[in-house]
């Protein structure tokens, strides 16, 4: 995450989600995002879902355009 934030890239770690938090990353993701200054809020609050939704979309767009063979086709 540090490298991504320092290089102004989408956080690749946004692709990982917790089995227990219903489709968003675990608390450690949000704790680290707070330390890096890119998140403010509760790991289970609406701010967390917004950060993850935006980060996930940005990561898929950024990394998918560079490596389209890695994006799974849902059909």
Protein backbone atom coordinates (compact mmCIF):
# COMPACT_ATOMS: atom_id res chain seq x y z
CA UNK A 1 0.00 0.00 0.00
CA UNK A 2 2.83 2.39 0.82
CA UNK A 3 4.32 2.08 -2.66
CA UNK A 4 0.95 2.55 -4.36
CA UNK A 5 0.08 5.66 -2.35
CA UNK A 6 3.58 7.13 -2.76
CA UNK A 7 3.39 6.61 -6.54
CA UNK A 8 -0.19 7.92 -6.72
CA UNK A 9 -1.39 4.56 -8.03
CA UNK A 10 -4.61 2.78 -7.03
CA UNK A 11 -4.09 0.51 -4.03
CA UNK A 12 -3.77 -3.01 -5.39
CA UNK A 13 -4.75 -4.34 -1.97
CA UNK A 14 -8.30 -3.06 -2.60
CA UNK A 15 -8.79 -6.25 -4.61
CA UNK A 16 -8.64 -8.34 -1.42
CA UNK A 17 -11.78 -8.64 0.69
CA UNK A 18 -12.54 -10.09 4.11
CA UNK A 19 -14.64 -13.22 4.47
CA UNK A 20 -16.27 -11.71 7.55
CA UNK A 21 -16.89 -8.07 6.52
CA UNK A 22 -19.29 -8.63 3.64
CA UNK A 23 -17.30 -7.74 0.57
CA UNK A 24 -14.85 -5.13 1.87
CA UNK A 25 -11.25 -5.50 3.06
CA UNK A 26 -10.44 -6.31 6.66
CA UNK A 27 -9.81 -3.75 9.37
CA UNK A 28 -6.05 -3.82 8.72
CA UNK A 29 -6.58 -2.34 5.26
CA UNK A 30 -8.43 0.63 6.72
CA UNK A 31 -5.98 1.04 9.60
CA UNK A 32 -3.09 1.18 7.14
CA UNK A 33 -5.04 3.57 4.89
CA UNK A 34 -5.49 5.88 7.90
CA UNK A 35 -1.76 5.78 8.67
CA UNK A 36 -1.06 6.64 5.02
CA UNK A 37 -3.49 9.55 5.20
CA UNK A 38 -5.96 8.31 2.58
CA UNK A 39 -8.80 7.28 4.89
CA UNK A 40 -10.65 8.75 7.81
CA UNK A 41 -13.52 6.90 9.43
CA UNK A 42 -14.57 3.55 10.86
CA UNK A 43 -13.60 0.28 9.20
CA UNK A 44 -17.24 -0.79 9.20
CA UNK A 45 -18.79 2.57 8.35
CA UNK A 46 -20.01 4.13 5.13
CA UNK A 47 -16.65 5.86 4.63
CA UNK A 48 -14.98 2.44 4.46
CA UNK A 49 -17.41 1.18 1.85
CA UNK A 50 -16.93 4.36 -0.19
CA UNK A 51 -13.12 4.13 -0.02
CA UNK A 52 -13.22 0.50 -1.03
CA UNK A 53 -15.71 0.98 -3.88
CA UNK A 54 -13.64 3.83 -5.31
CA UNK A 55 -10.34 2.03 -4.74
CA UNK A 56 -11.61 -1.19 -6.26
CA UNK A 57 -12.88 0.58 -9.39
CA UNK A 58 -9.63 2.50 -9.74
CA UNK A 59 -7.52 -0.63 -9.27
CA UNK A 60 -9.53 -2.64 -11.79
CA UNK A 61 -9.33 0.15 -14.34
CA UNK A 62 -5.63 0.81 -13.80
CA UNK A 63 -4.29 -2.72 -13.49
CA UNK A 64 -6.85 -4.22 -15.90
CA UNK A 65 -5.74 -1.87 -18.67
CA UNK A 66 -2.13 -2.92 -18.16
CA UNK A 67 -2.86 -6.65 -17.75
CA UNK A 68 -6.22 -7.45 -19.41
CA UNK A 69 -5.43 -11.17 -19.38
CA UNK A 70 -5.62 -11.11 -15.56
CA UNK A 71 -9.22 -9.86 -15.41
CA UNK A 72 -11.65 -12.74 -15.10
CA UNK A 73 -14.68 -12.87 -17.37
CA UNK A 74 -17.80 -13.36 -15.24
CA UNK A 75 -19.83 -14.88 -18.09
